[in-house]
Amino acid sequence: MFFFNLQHFPLPFRKKHIKLTEQRLKLVSGGRDWTVELCSYKTKHMKLGVGWKSFMEDNSLQLGDVCNFELVSGDPTDVQLRVTIARACA
């Protein structure tokens, strides 16, 4: 299992599941899905780009909330991640 710091995807995950420099993936949460771009970041990591802000807003993410990303489909042409959100304590 991989844990992501903010929205960064570590190199081991990238090498195993992502084959393209820039790729779209699907985030699935609460019966909805969002298409998000995954882009290279400082050569060693990839970062969620276009689409991530919509996911954050639609799910009312707040500072301290934790998103758990679970690989559903690892096909390099159709990467899907199930996202479970744990809300921060108020």
N, C-alpha and C. Protein backbone atom coordinates (compact mmCIF):
# COMPACT_ATOMS: atom_id res chain seq x y z
N MET A 1 0.85 -1.17 0.00
CA MET A 1 0.00 0.00 0.00
C MET A 1 0.90 1.24 0.00
N PHE A 2 0.51 2.23 -0.78
CA PHE A 2 1.25 3.47 -0.85
C PHE A 2 0.46 4.57 -0.17
N PHE A 3 1.13 5.45 0.53
CA PHE A 3 0.50 6.62 1.12
C PHE A 3 1.04 7.84 0.39
N PHE A 4 0.16 8.75 0.02
CA PHE A 4 0.56 9.90 -0.76
C PHE A 4 0.60 11.14 0.11
N ASN A 5 1.65 11.93 -0.04
CA ASN A 5 1.79 13.19 0.65
C ASN A 5 1.08 14.24 -0.20
N LEU A 6 0.03 14.81 0.33
CA LEU A 6 -0.82 15.73 -0.43
C LEU A 6 -1.29 15.02 -1.69
N GLN A 7 -0.99 15.56 -2.86
CA GLN A 7 -1.46 14.91 -4.07
C GLN A 7 -0.30 14.38 -4.90
N HIS A 8 0.82 14.05 -4.28
CA HIS A 8 1.99 13.55 -5.01
C HIS A 8 2.00 12.03 -5.03
N PHE A 9 2.34 11.46 -6.19
CA PHE A 9 2.41 10.02 -6.34
C PHE A 9 3.89 9.62 -6.38
N PRO A 10 4.36 8.78 -5.48
CA PRO A 10 5.78 8.41 -5.40
C PRO A 10 6.25 7.56 -6.57
N LEU A 11 7.55 7.59 -6.79
CA LEU A 11 8.17 6.90 -7.91
C LEU A 11 7.84 5.40 -7.97
N PRO A 12 7.86 4.63 -6.86
CA PRO A 12 7.55 3.19 -6.97
C PRO A 12 6.15 2.93 -7.56
N PHE A 13 5.17 3.71 -7.15
CA PHE A 13 3.82 3.57 -7.69
C PHE A 13 3.82 3.92 -9.17
N ARG A 14 4.48 5.01 -9.51
CA ARG A 14 4.53 5.47 -10.89
C ARG A 14 5.17 4.42 -11.80
N LYS A 15 6.28 3.85 -11.38
CA LYS A 15 6.97 2.85 -12.20
C LYS A 15 6.12 1.61 -12.43
N LYS A 16 5.36 1.24 -11.43
CA LYS A 16 4.57 0.01 -11.53
C LYS A 16 3.27 0.19 -12.32
N HIS A 17 2.61 1.36 -12.18
CA HIS A 17 1.26 1.51 -12.72
C HIS A 17 1.08 2.58 -13.79
N ILE A 18 2.02 3.51 -13.89
CA ILE A 18 1.86 4.61 -14.85
C ILE A 18 2.93 4.50 -15.91
N LYS A 19 2.51 4.44 -17.16
CA LYS A 19 3.47 4.25 -18.24
C LYS A 19 3.71 5.51 -19.07
N LEU A 20 2.87 6.50 -18.93
CA LEU A 20 2.99 7.71 -19.73
C LEU A 20 3.50 8.87 -18.89
N THR A 21 4.14 9.85 -19.53
CA THR A 21 4.63 11.02 -18.82
C THR A 21 3.47 11.85 -18.28
N GLU A 22 2.45 12.04 -19.11
CA GLU A 22 1.24 12.72 -18.68
C GLU A 22 0.07 11.82 -19.03
N GLN A 23 -0.81 11.66 -18.09
CA GLN A 23 -1.89 10.70 -18.26
C GLN A 23 -3.12 11.16 -17.52
N ARG A 24 -4.27 10.74 -18.01
CA ARG A 24 -5.52 10.99 -17.30
C ARG A 24 -5.87 9.74 -16.50
N LEU A 25 -6.47 9.97 -15.35
CA LEU A 25 -6.94 8.85 -14.55
C LEU A 25 -8.30 9.20 -14.00
N LYS A 26 -8.97 8.21 -13.49
CA LYS A 26 -10.31 8.41 -12.95
C LYS A 26 -10.27 8.23 -11.44
N LEU A 27 -10.80 9.22 -10.71
CA LEU A 27 -10.97 9.11 -9.28
C LEU A 27 -12.44 8.79 -9.03
N VAL A 28 -12.71 7.77 -8.22
CA VAL A 28 -14.07 7.33 -7.94
C VAL A 28 -14.32 7.48 -6.44
N SER A 29 -15.41 8.18 -6.09
CA SER A 29 -15.74 8.39 -4.68
C SER A 29 -17.23 8.70 -4.55
N GLY A 30 -17.87 8.07 -3.61
CA GLY A 30 -19.27 8.36 -3.32
C GLY A 30 -20.21 8.19 -4.50
N GLY A 31 -19.93 7.21 -5.37
CA GLY A 31 -20.80 6.96 -6.50
C GLY A 31 -20.59 7.90 -7.68
N ARG A 32 -19.61 8.78 -7.59
CA ARG A 32 -19.30 9.72 -8.68
C ARG A 32 -17.87 9.48 -9.13
N ASP A 33 -17.53 10.05 -10.29
CA ASP A 33 -16.14 9.94 -10.73
C ASP A 33 -15.69 11.25 -11.36
N TRP A 34 -14.38 11.48 -11.32
CA TRP A 34 -13.74 12.68 -11.83
C TRP A 34 -12.55 12.25 -12.67
N THR A 35 -12.38 12.89 -13.82
CA THR A 35 -11.19 12.67 -14.64
C THR A 35 -10.16 13.71 -14.22
N VAL A 36 -8.97 13.23 -13.89
CA VAL A 36 -7.91 14.09 -13.39
C VAL A 36 -6.63 13.81 -14.17
N GLU A 37 -5.90 14.88 -14.51
CA GLU A 37 -4.63 14.70 -15.19
C GLU A 37 -3.53 14.42 -14.17
N LEU A 38 -2.68 13.49 -14.52
CA LEU A 38 -1.52 13.15 -13.70
C LEU A 38 -0.29 13.61 -14.49
N CYS A 39 0.47 14.54 -13.93
CA CYS A 39 1.58 15.17 -14.64
C CYS A 39 2.89 14.97 -13.90
N SER A 40 3.98 14.95 -14.66
CA SER A 40 5.32 14.85 -14.06
C SER A 40 5.59 16.06 -13.19
N TYR A 41 6.30 15.81 -12.10
CA TYR A 41 6.64 16.87 -11.15
C TYR A 41 8.03 16.60 -10.62
N LYS A 42 8.96 17.46 -10.95
CA LYS A 42 10.36 17.33 -10.50
C LYS A 42 10.94 15.97 -10.83
N THR A 43 10.59 15.41 -11.94
CA THR A 43 11.07 14.15 -12.52
C THR A 43 10.88 12.90 -11.65
N LYS A 44 10.85 12.99 -10.36
CA LYS A 44 10.74 11.80 -9.51
C LYS A 44 9.32 11.53 -9.03
N HIS A 45 8.46 12.49 -9.17
CA HIS A 45 7.09 12.34 -8.68
C HIS A 45 6.11 12.75 -9.75
N MET A 46 4.88 12.38 -9.55
CA MET A 46 3.80 12.85 -10.41
C MET A 46 2.80 13.53 -9.50
N LYS A 47 2.08 14.47 -10.08
CA LYS A 47 1.16 15.29 -9.30
C LYS A 47 -0.19 15.34 -10.00
N LEU A 48 -1.27 15.32 -9.22
CA LEU A 48 -2.60 15.49 -9.78
C LEU A 48 -2.75 16.93 -10.23
N GLY A 49 -3.21 17.11 -11.47
CA GLY A 49 -3.34 18.46 -12.03
C GLY A 49 -4.78 18.80 -12.31
N VAL A 50 -5.07 19.15 -13.56
CA VAL A 50 -6.40 19.58 -13.97
C VAL A 50 -7.43 18.53 -13.56
N GLY A 51 -8.46 18.97 -12.88
CA GLY A 51 -9.52 18.07 -12.41
C GLY A 51 -9.45 17.85 -10.90
N TRP A 52 -8.26 17.97 -10.31
CA TRP A 52 -8.09 17.76 -8.87
C TRP A 52 -8.85 18.81 -8.07
N LYS A 53 -8.83 20.06 -8.54
CA LYS A 53 -9.53 21.14 -7.83
C LYS A 53 -11.03 20.85 -7.80
N SER A 54 -11.59 20.38 -8.91
CA SER A 54 -13.02 20.04 -8.94
C SER A 54 -13.33 18.92 -7.96
N PHE A 55 -12.45 17.91 -7.90
CA PHE A 55 -12.64 16.82 -6.94
C PHE A 55 -12.64 17.37 -5.51
N MET A 56 -11.68 18.24 -5.21
CA MET A 56 -11.58 18.83 -3.86
C MET A 56 -12.83 19.63 -3.51
N GLU A 57 -13.27 20.47 -4.45
CA GLU A 57 -14.44 21.31 -4.19
C GLU A 57 -15.71 20.48 -4.07
N ASP A 58 -15.90 19.52 -4.97
CA ASP A 58 -17.11 18.69 -4.95
C ASP A 58 -17.21 17.84 -3.69
N ASN A 59 -16.07 17.52 -3.10
CA ASN A 59 -16.04 16.71 -1.88
C ASN A 59 -15.79 17.53 -0.63
N SER A 60 -15.79 18.85 -0.78
CA SER A 60 -15.61 19.79 0.34
C SER A 60 -14.40 19.42 1.20
N LEU A 61 -13.28 19.11 0.52
CA LEU A 61 -12.08 18.75 1.28
C LEU A 61 -11.57 19.95 2.07
N GLN A 62 -11.18 19.70 3.29
CA GLN A 62 -10.66 20.73 4.18
C GLN A 62 -9.27 20.32 4.66
N LEU A 63 -8.52 21.28 5.14
CA LEU A 63 -7.20 21.03 5.70
C LEU A 63 -7.32 19.98 6.81
N GLY A 64 -6.52 18.94 6.73
CA GLY A 64 -6.55 17.88 7.73
C GLY A 64 -7.33 16.64 7.29
N ASP A 65 -8.18 16.77 6.25
CA ASP A 65 -8.86 15.60 5.71
C ASP A 65 -7.81 14.69 5.07
N VAL A 66 -8.06 13.40 5.13
CA VAL A 66 -7.13 12.43 4.56
C VAL A 66 -7.84 11.64 3.45
N CYS A 67 -7.19 11.57 2.28
CA CYS A 67 -7.72 10.80 1.17
C CYS A 67 -6.90 9.53 1.02
N ASN A 68 -7.57 8.39 1.03
CA ASN A 68 -6.93 7.11 0.81
C ASN A 68 -7.21 6.70 -0.64
N PHE A 69 -6.14 6.52 -1.43
CA PHE A 69 -6.27 6.15 -2.83
C PHE A 69 -6.02 4.65 -2.97
N GLU A 70 -7.01 3.95 -3.53
CA GLU A 70 -6.90 2.50 -3.74
C GLU A 70 -6.97 2.22 -5.23
N LEU A 71 -5.98 1.52 -5.74
CA LEU A 71 -5.95 1.19 -7.16
C LEU A 71 -7.06 0.20 -7.48
N VAL A 72 -7.94 0.57 -8.42
CA VAL A 72 -9.04 -0.30 -8.84
C VAL A 72 -8.67 -0.95 -10.16
N SER A 73 -8.15 -0.16 -11.09
CA SER A 73 -7.72 -0.66 -12.38
C SER A 73 -6.34 -0.12 -12.68
N GLY A 74 -5.38 -1.03 -12.87
CA GLY A 74 -4.01 -0.62 -13.13
C GLY A 74 -3.63 -0.68 -14.59
N ASP A 75 -4.61 -0.88 -15.47
CA ASP A 75 -4.33 -0.86 -16.90
C ASP A 75 -3.79 0.52 -17.25
N PRO A 76 -2.57 0.61 -17.83
CA PRO A 76 -1.95 1.92 -18.11
C PRO A 76 -2.81 2.85 -18.95
N THR A 77 -3.77 2.32 -19.70
CA THR A 77 -4.62 3.19 -20.50
C THR A 77 -5.91 3.56 -19.78
N ASP A 78 -6.15 2.96 -18.61
CA ASP A 78 -7.38 3.20 -17.87
C ASP A 78 -7.13 3.05 -16.37
N VAL A 79 -6.35 3.96 -15.81
CA VAL A 79 -6.04 3.90 -14.38
C VAL A 79 -7.21 4.48 -13.59
N GLN A 80 -7.73 3.69 -12.65
CA GLN A 80 -8.83 4.13 -11.80
C GLN A 80 -8.43 3.97 -10.34
N LEU A 81 -8.71 5.01 -9.55
CA LEU A 81 -8.41 4.98 -8.12
C LEU A 81 -9.69 5.26 -7.34
N ARG A 82 -10.00 4.39 -6.39
CA ARG A 82 -11.12 4.62 -5.48
C ARG A 82 -10.58 5.49 -4.35
N VAL A 83 -11.29 6.56 -4.05
CA VAL A 83 -10.85 7.50 -3.02
C VAL A 83 -11.81 7.45 -1.84
N THR A 84 -11.26 7.16 -0.67
CA THR A 84 -12.02 7.18 0.56
C THR A 84 -11.53 8.38 1.37
N ILE A 85 -12.47 9.18 1.85
CA ILE A 85 -12.11 10.42 2.56
C ILE A 85 -12.38 10.25 4.04
N ALA A 86 -11.37 10.51 4.85
CA ALA A 86 -11.51 10.53 6.31
C ALA A 86 -11.45 12.01 6.72
N ARG A 87 -12.52 12.47 7.30
CA ARG A 87 -12.61 13.88 7.67
C ARG A 87 -11.80 14.17 8.93
N ALA A 88 -11.18 15.35 8.93
CA ALA A 88 -10.42 15.79 10.09
C ALA A 88 -11.38 16.06 11.25
N CYS A 89 -10.91 15.83 12.45
CA CYS A 89 -11.73 16.14 13.63
C CYS A 89 -11.79 17.66 13.79
N ALA A 90 -12.95 18.15 14.12
CA ALA A 90 -13.12 19.60 14.26
C ALA A 90 -12.57 20.09 15.58
